[in-house]
Amino acid sequence: MIYGIGTDICDIRRIRASLERHGDRFAERVLSERELVTWRARNARWPDRGVRYLATRFSAKEAFSKAVGLGMRMPMTWRLCEIANLASGAPVVLLHGGLKTWFEAQGLQAQITLSDETDYAVSFCVVERSPTA
């Protein structure tokens, strides 16, 4: 049963401007530890790919927060929600701490997709309640 649906579109130019204005602090506020490692590696080698990576993660976390109906309030925080990739490349939502505890207690599971082009990143998230919950 569908619990919630969220979508987000992010202007990559705004993310680039935030990085220019706030430096790494912006990425450190939004990304989990593992995401930061990936972002730093991409940003060092291909700065444009680094910005797009940050924008897609920002967008995906926004879409997830909308799908669960919390917005950006506890237990939802930027760093407790991680967007990783399976070996196949498919994106997945990994949760940590209090957000993971809350999410599992609700019997929820999430599906996420994301994409980017030159100026925009877009994400779509469907959260379902397990039929046994």
N, C-alpha and C. Protein backbone atom coordinates (compact mmCIF):
# COMPACT_ATOMS: atom_id res chain seq x y z
N MET A 1 0.84 -1.19 0.00
CA MET A 1 0.00 0.00 0.00
C MET A 1 0.89 1.25 0.00
N ILE A 2 0.58 2.19 -0.86
CA ILE A 2 1.39 3.41 -0.95
C ILE A 2 1.14 4.27 0.28
N TYR A 3 2.21 4.65 0.94
CA TYR A 3 2.19 5.53 2.11
C TYR A 3 2.34 6.98 1.68
N GLY A 4 3.24 7.20 0.70
CA GLY A 4 3.45 8.57 0.23
C GLY A 4 4.30 8.60 -1.03
N ILE A 5 4.18 9.70 -1.75
CA ILE A 5 4.94 9.93 -2.97
C ILE A 5 5.58 11.30 -2.87
N GLY A 6 6.84 11.39 -3.27
CA GLY A 6 7.52 12.68 -3.25
C GLY A 6 8.32 12.88 -4.51
N THR A 7 8.40 14.10 -4.96
CA THR A 7 9.21 14.43 -6.13
C THR A 7 9.92 15.76 -5.86
N ASP A 8 11.04 15.95 -6.51
CA ASP A 8 11.78 17.19 -6.35
C ASP A 8 12.59 17.46 -7.61
N ILE A 9 12.67 18.72 -7.98
CA ILE A 9 13.56 19.15 -9.06
C ILE A 9 14.47 20.20 -8.46
N CYS A 10 15.74 20.09 -8.76
CA CYS A 10 16.76 20.94 -8.17
C CYS A 10 17.55 21.62 -9.28
N ASP A 11 17.71 22.92 -9.16
CA ASP A 11 18.51 23.68 -10.12
C ASP A 11 19.98 23.52 -9.74
N ILE A 12 20.73 22.84 -10.56
CA ILE A 12 22.14 22.55 -10.27
C ILE A 12 22.94 23.84 -10.13
N ARG A 13 22.53 24.89 -10.81
CA ARG A 13 23.23 26.17 -10.70
C ARG A 13 23.12 26.74 -9.29
N ARG A 14 21.99 26.49 -8.62
CA ARG A 14 21.83 26.95 -7.23
C ARG A 14 22.75 26.17 -6.29
N ILE A 15 22.91 24.88 -6.55
CA ILE A 15 23.82 24.06 -5.74
C ILE A 15 25.25 24.55 -5.93
N ARG A 16 25.62 24.82 -7.18
CA ARG A 16 26.96 25.34 -7.47
C ARG A 16 27.18 26.67 -6.74
N ALA A 17 26.19 27.54 -6.76
CA ALA A 17 26.30 28.83 -6.07
C ALA A 17 26.43 28.65 -4.56
N SER A 18 25.70 27.69 -4.00
CA SER A 18 25.82 27.42 -2.56
C SER A 18 27.21 26.92 -2.21
N LEU A 19 27.78 26.07 -3.06
CA LEU A 19 29.15 25.59 -2.83
C LEU A 19 30.15 26.74 -2.91
N GLU A 20 29.95 27.63 -3.87
CA GLU A 20 30.85 28.77 -4.01
C GLU A 20 30.75 29.69 -2.80
N ARG A 21 29.54 29.86 -2.28
CA ARG A 21 29.29 30.76 -1.16
C ARG A 21 29.74 30.15 0.17
N HIS A 22 29.45 28.84 0.38
CA HIS A 22 29.68 28.21 1.69
C HIS A 22 30.81 27.18 1.69
N GLY A 23 31.35 26.88 0.53
CA GLY A 23 32.42 25.88 0.46
C GLY A 23 31.93 24.50 0.86
N ASP A 24 32.85 23.69 1.36
CA ASP A 24 32.52 22.31 1.72
C ASP A 24 31.46 22.22 2.81
N ARG A 25 31.27 23.26 3.59
CA ARG A 25 30.26 23.24 4.67
C ARG A 25 28.89 22.87 4.15
N PHE A 26 28.55 23.34 2.95
CA PHE A 26 27.23 23.01 2.39
C PHE A 26 27.12 21.51 2.15
N ALA A 27 28.12 20.91 1.51
CA ALA A 27 28.11 19.47 1.25
C ALA A 27 28.13 18.69 2.56
N GLU A 28 28.90 19.14 3.53
CA GLU A 28 28.99 18.45 4.82
C GLU A 28 27.67 18.48 5.58
N ARG A 29 26.85 19.47 5.32
CA ARG A 29 25.54 19.57 5.97
C ARG A 29 24.52 18.61 5.33
N VAL A 30 24.66 18.36 4.04
CA VAL A 30 23.68 17.60 3.28
C VAL A 30 24.03 16.11 3.15
N LEU A 31 25.30 15.80 3.02
CA LEU A 31 25.72 14.44 2.70
C LEU A 31 26.12 13.62 3.93
N SER A 32 25.86 12.31 3.86
CA SER A 32 26.32 11.39 4.89
C SER A 32 27.84 11.22 4.75
N GLU A 33 28.45 10.53 5.69
CA GLU A 33 29.90 10.32 5.62
C GLU A 33 30.31 9.61 4.33
N ARG A 34 29.61 8.54 3.98
CA ARG A 34 29.95 7.81 2.74
C ARG A 34 29.71 8.65 1.50
N GLU A 35 28.62 9.41 1.50
CA GLU A 35 28.35 10.29 0.36
C GLU A 35 29.44 11.35 0.23
N LEU A 36 29.93 11.86 1.37
CA LEU A 36 31.00 12.86 1.34
C LEU A 36 32.27 12.31 0.70
N VAL A 37 32.60 11.06 0.98
CA VAL A 37 33.79 10.44 0.38
C VAL A 37 33.64 10.42 -1.14
N THR A 38 32.48 9.98 -1.61
CA THR A 38 32.23 9.93 -3.06
C THR A 38 32.26 11.33 -3.66
N TRP A 39 31.60 12.28 -3.00
CA TRP A 39 31.55 13.65 -3.50
C TRP A 39 32.95 14.26 -3.61
N ARG A 40 33.76 14.07 -2.57
CA ARG A 40 35.11 14.64 -2.59
C ARG A 40 35.95 14.05 -3.72
N ALA A 41 35.83 12.75 -3.94
CA ALA A 41 36.59 12.11 -5.02
C ALA A 41 36.15 12.64 -6.38
N ARG A 42 34.85 12.71 -6.59
CA ARG A 42 34.34 13.21 -7.89
C ARG A 42 34.66 14.68 -8.06
N ASN A 43 34.49 15.45 -7.00
CA ASN A 43 34.71 16.89 -7.08
C ASN A 43 36.18 17.20 -7.37
N ALA A 44 37.09 16.41 -6.83
CA ALA A 44 38.52 16.64 -7.06
C ALA A 44 38.90 16.34 -8.50
N ARG A 45 38.30 15.30 -9.05
CA ARG A 45 38.68 14.88 -10.41
C ARG A 45 37.87 15.59 -11.49
N TRP A 46 36.56 15.70 -11.27
CA TRP A 46 35.64 16.32 -12.24
C TRP A 46 34.69 17.23 -11.47
N PRO A 47 35.02 18.49 -11.26
CA PRO A 47 34.17 19.38 -10.45
C PRO A 47 32.71 19.42 -10.88
N ASP A 48 32.43 19.37 -12.18
CA ASP A 48 31.03 19.38 -12.63
C ASP A 48 30.30 18.13 -12.17
N ARG A 49 30.96 16.98 -12.21
CA ARG A 49 30.33 15.73 -11.73
C ARG A 49 30.10 15.80 -10.22
N GLY A 50 31.00 16.44 -9.51
CA GLY A 50 30.83 16.61 -8.07
C GLY A 50 29.59 17.42 -7.75
N VAL A 51 29.40 18.51 -8.48
CA VAL A 51 28.22 19.36 -8.26
C VAL A 51 26.95 18.58 -8.60
N ARG A 52 26.95 17.86 -9.71
CA ARG A 52 25.76 17.08 -10.09
C ARG A 52 25.47 15.98 -9.07
N TYR A 53 26.51 15.34 -8.54
CA TYR A 53 26.32 14.32 -7.50
C TYR A 53 25.64 14.94 -6.28
N LEU A 54 26.13 16.07 -5.83
CA LEU A 54 25.53 16.74 -4.67
C LEU A 54 24.09 17.15 -4.97
N ALA A 55 23.83 17.65 -6.16
CA ALA A 55 22.48 18.08 -6.53
C ALA A 55 21.51 16.89 -6.56
N THR A 56 21.94 15.75 -7.10
CA THR A 56 21.04 14.60 -7.15
C THR A 56 20.75 14.08 -5.74
N ARG A 57 21.74 14.09 -4.86
CA ARG A 57 21.50 13.64 -3.48
C ARG A 57 20.58 14.61 -2.75
N PHE A 58 20.79 15.90 -2.95
CA PHE A 58 19.92 16.91 -2.35
C PHE A 58 18.47 16.69 -2.81
N SER A 59 18.29 16.52 -4.11
CA SER A 59 16.96 16.32 -4.68
C SER A 59 16.32 15.04 -4.16
N ALA A 60 17.08 13.95 -4.11
CA ALA A 60 16.54 12.67 -3.66
C ALA A 60 16.10 12.73 -2.20
N LYS A 61 16.88 13.41 -1.37
CA LYS A 61 16.52 13.52 0.04
C LYS A 61 15.27 14.39 0.22
N GLU A 62 15.14 15.42 -0.58
CA GLU A 62 13.93 16.23 -0.57
C GLU A 62 12.71 15.39 -0.97
N ALA A 63 12.85 14.61 -2.04
CA ALA A 63 11.74 13.77 -2.50
C ALA A 63 11.38 12.74 -1.42
N PHE A 64 12.37 12.13 -0.79
CA PHE A 64 12.11 11.17 0.28
C PHE A 64 11.39 11.83 1.45
N SER A 65 11.85 13.00 1.85
CA SER A 65 11.23 13.69 2.99
C SER A 65 9.76 14.03 2.71
N LYS A 66 9.46 14.33 1.47
CA LYS A 66 8.07 14.60 1.09
C LYS A 66 7.25 13.31 1.09
N ALA A 67 7.84 12.22 0.61
CA ALA A 67 7.12 10.95 0.54
C ALA A 67 6.77 10.41 1.93
N VAL A 68 7.64 10.65 2.91
CA VAL A 68 7.34 10.17 4.27
C VAL A 68 6.51 11.18 5.05
N GLY A 69 6.30 12.36 4.47
CA GLY A 69 5.43 13.35 5.09
C GLY A 69 6.06 14.13 6.22
N LEU A 70 7.36 14.08 6.36
CA LEU A 70 8.03 14.79 7.46
C LEU A 70 8.60 16.13 7.05
N GLY A 71 8.89 16.30 5.76
CA GLY A 71 9.66 17.48 5.39
C GLY A 71 11.02 17.37 6.07
N MET A 72 11.64 18.48 6.35
CA MET A 72 12.94 18.46 7.02
C MET A 72 12.77 18.76 8.51
N ARG A 73 12.07 17.85 9.18
CA ARG A 73 11.97 17.94 10.64
C ARG A 73 12.15 16.55 11.23
N MET A 74 12.56 16.51 12.46
CA MET A 74 12.92 15.26 13.12
C MET A 74 11.82 14.22 12.98
N PRO A 75 12.20 12.98 12.77
CA PRO A 75 13.57 12.46 12.78
C PRO A 75 14.30 12.59 11.45
N MET A 76 13.70 13.26 10.46
CA MET A 76 14.33 13.42 9.15
C MET A 76 15.41 14.50 9.22
N THR A 77 16.62 14.11 8.89
CA THR A 77 17.72 15.07 8.73
C THR A 77 18.48 14.69 7.48
N TRP A 78 19.20 15.64 6.94
CA TRP A 78 19.96 15.40 5.71
C TRP A 78 20.91 14.22 5.86
N ARG A 79 21.66 14.20 6.95
CA ARG A 79 22.74 13.23 7.09
C ARG A 79 22.27 11.84 7.51
N LEU A 80 21.06 11.73 8.05
CA LEU A 80 20.54 10.41 8.43
C LEU A 80 19.91 9.67 7.25
N CYS A 81 19.74 10.37 6.15
CA CYS A 81 19.20 9.79 4.92
C CYS A 81 20.34 9.75 3.91
N GLU A 82 20.66 8.56 3.46
CA GLU A 82 21.76 8.38 2.52
C GLU A 82 21.23 7.78 1.23
N ILE A 83 21.70 8.28 0.11
CA ILE A 83 21.34 7.73 -1.19
C ILE A 83 22.58 7.01 -1.72
N ALA A 84 22.48 5.70 -1.79
CA ALA A 84 23.60 4.86 -2.23
C ALA A 84 23.21 4.20 -3.55
N ASN A 85 24.09 3.36 -4.05
CA ASN A 85 23.81 2.62 -5.28
C ASN A 85 24.10 1.15 -5.07
N LEU A 86 23.21 0.32 -5.61
CA LEU A 86 23.46 -1.12 -5.65
C LEU A 86 24.57 -1.39 -6.66
N ALA A 87 25.09 -2.60 -6.67
CA ALA A 87 26.12 -2.98 -7.64
C ALA A 87 25.64 -2.75 -9.07
N SER A 88 24.33 -2.89 -9.29
CA SER A 88 23.75 -2.67 -10.62
C SER A 88 23.70 -1.20 -11.01
N GLY A 89 23.91 -0.32 -10.01
CA GLY A 89 23.82 1.12 -10.25
C GLY A 89 22.50 1.72 -9.79
N ALA A 90 21.52 0.87 -9.48
CA ALA A 90 20.21 1.37 -9.04
C ALA A 90 20.36 2.11 -7.71
N PRO A 91 19.74 3.28 -7.59
CA PRO A 91 19.82 4.03 -6.34
C PRO A 91 18.93 3.40 -5.25
N VAL A 92 19.39 3.50 -4.01
CA VAL A 92 18.63 3.00 -2.86
C VAL A 92 18.73 4.01 -1.73
N VAL A 93 17.72 4.00 -0.87
CA VAL A 93 17.70 4.85 0.31
C VAL A 93 18.21 4.02 1.48
N LEU A 94 19.26 4.52 2.14
CA LEU A 94 19.77 3.91 3.36
C LEU A 94 19.55 4.91 4.49
N LEU A 95 18.95 4.44 5.57
CA LEU A 95 18.64 5.34 6.68
C LEU A 95 19.50 4.97 7.89
N HIS A 96 19.69 5.96 8.75
CA HIS A 96 20.54 5.79 9.92
C HIS A 96 19.85 6.38 11.15
N GLY A 97 20.30 5.94 12.32
CA GLY A 97 19.89 6.53 13.59
C GLY A 97 18.39 6.53 13.81
N GLY A 98 17.91 7.64 14.37
CA GLY A 98 16.50 7.77 14.71
C GLY A 98 15.57 7.71 13.52
N LEU A 99 16.04 8.15 12.37
CA LEU A 99 15.21 8.09 11.16
C LEU A 99 14.99 6.64 10.76
N LYS A 100 16.03 5.82 10.82
CA LYS A 100 15.90 4.40 10.50
C LYS A 100 14.95 3.73 11.49
N THR A 101 15.10 4.02 12.76
CA THR A 101 14.23 3.43 13.79
C THR A 101 12.77 3.80 13.53
N TRP A 102 12.50 5.08 13.27
CA TRP A 102 11.13 5.54 13.00
C TRP A 102 10.57 4.87 11.75
N PHE A 103 11.35 4.85 10.68
CA PHE A 103 10.92 4.30 9.40
C PHE A 103 10.56 2.82 9.53
N GLU A 104 11.42 2.06 10.18
CA GLU A 104 11.18 0.62 10.35
C GLU A 104 9.98 0.37 11.26
N ALA A 105 9.79 1.20 12.28
CA ALA A 105 8.64 1.04 13.19
C ALA A 105 7.32 1.26 12.45
N GLN A 106 7.35 2.07 11.40
CA GLN A 106 6.16 2.33 10.60
C GLN A 106 5.91 1.21 9.58
N GLY A 107 6.88 0.29 9.44
CA GLY A 107 6.77 -0.78 8.44
C GLY A 107 6.88 -0.28 7.02
N LEU A 108 7.76 0.71 6.81
CA LEU A 108 7.86 1.36 5.50
C LEU A 108 9.06 0.85 4.70
N GLN A 109 8.94 0.98 3.38
CA GLN A 109 10.05 0.74 2.47
C GLN A 109 9.98 1.78 1.36
N ALA A 110 11.15 2.16 0.86
CA ALA A 110 11.22 3.25 -0.12
C ALA A 110 11.85 2.78 -1.43
N GLN A 111 11.35 3.36 -2.51
CA GLN A 111 11.92 3.21 -3.84
C GLN A 111 12.25 4.62 -4.33
N ILE A 112 13.44 4.78 -4.89
CA ILE A 112 13.87 6.11 -5.32
C ILE A 112 14.48 6.04 -6.71
N THR A 113 14.27 7.07 -7.49
CA THR A 113 14.93 7.21 -8.77
C THR A 113 15.39 8.65 -8.90
N LEU A 114 16.50 8.85 -9.59
CA LEU A 114 17.03 10.20 -9.76
C LEU A 114 17.72 10.31 -11.10
N SER A 115 17.79 11.54 -11.57
CA SER A 115 18.42 11.80 -12.86
C SER A 115 18.90 13.24 -12.88
N ASP A 116 19.84 13.52 -13.77
CA ASP A 116 20.30 14.90 -13.90
C ASP A 116 20.64 15.21 -15.35
N GLU A 117 20.53 16.47 -15.66
CA GLU A 117 20.92 17.02 -16.96
C GLU A 117 21.82 18.22 -16.66
N THR A 118 22.12 19.00 -17.64
CA THR A 118 23.06 20.10 -17.47
C THR A 118 22.68 21.02 -16.32
N ASP A 119 21.43 21.45 -16.25
CA ASP A 119 21.04 22.45 -15.25
C ASP A 119 20.13 21.92 -14.15
N TYR A 120 19.61 20.71 -14.27
CA TYR A 120 18.62 20.23 -13.30
C TYR A 120 18.89 18.80 -12.86
N ALA A 121 18.54 18.55 -11.61
CA ALA A 121 18.50 17.19 -11.07
C ALA A 121 17.06 16.95 -10.63
N VAL A 122 16.57 15.73 -10.85
CA VAL A 122 15.19 15.42 -10.49
C VAL A 122 15.15 14.07 -9.79
N SER A 123 14.24 13.95 -8.82
CA SER A 123 14.09 12.70 -8.08
C SER A 123 12.61 12.41 -7.84
N PHE A 124 12.34 11.13 -7.74
CA PHE A 124 10.98 10.65 -7.49
C PHE A 124 11.08 9.52 -6.48
N CYS A 125 10.25 9.57 -5.44
CA CYS A 125 10.30 8.57 -4.38
C CYS A 125 8.89 8.05 -4.08
N VAL A 126 8.78 6.75 -3.96
CA VAL A 126 7.54 6.11 -3.52
C VAL A 126 7.85 5.37 -2.23
N VAL A 127 7.07 5.65 -1.20
CA VAL A 127 7.20 4.95 0.07
C VAL A 127 5.97 4.11 0.26
N GLU A 128 6.19 2.83 0.56
CA GLU A 128 5.09 1.88 0.74
C GLU A 128 5.10 1.34 2.16
N ARG A 129 3.91 1.02 2.64
CA ARG A 129 3.78 0.35 3.92
C ARG A 129 3.68 -1.14 3.64
N SER A 130 4.47 -1.90 4.34
CA SER A 130 4.45 -3.36 4.18
C SER A 130 3.07 -3.88 4.54
N PRO A 131 2.55 -4.84 3.75
CA PRO A 131 1.21 -5.37 4.02
C PRO A 131 1.11 -6.06 5.39
N THR A 132 2.24 -6.47 5.94
CA THR A 132 2.22 -7.13 7.25
C THR A 132 2.35 -6.15 8.40
N ALA A 133 2.58 -4.88 8.12
CA ALA A 133 2.76 -3.88 9.19
C ALA A 133 1.43 -3.39 9.72
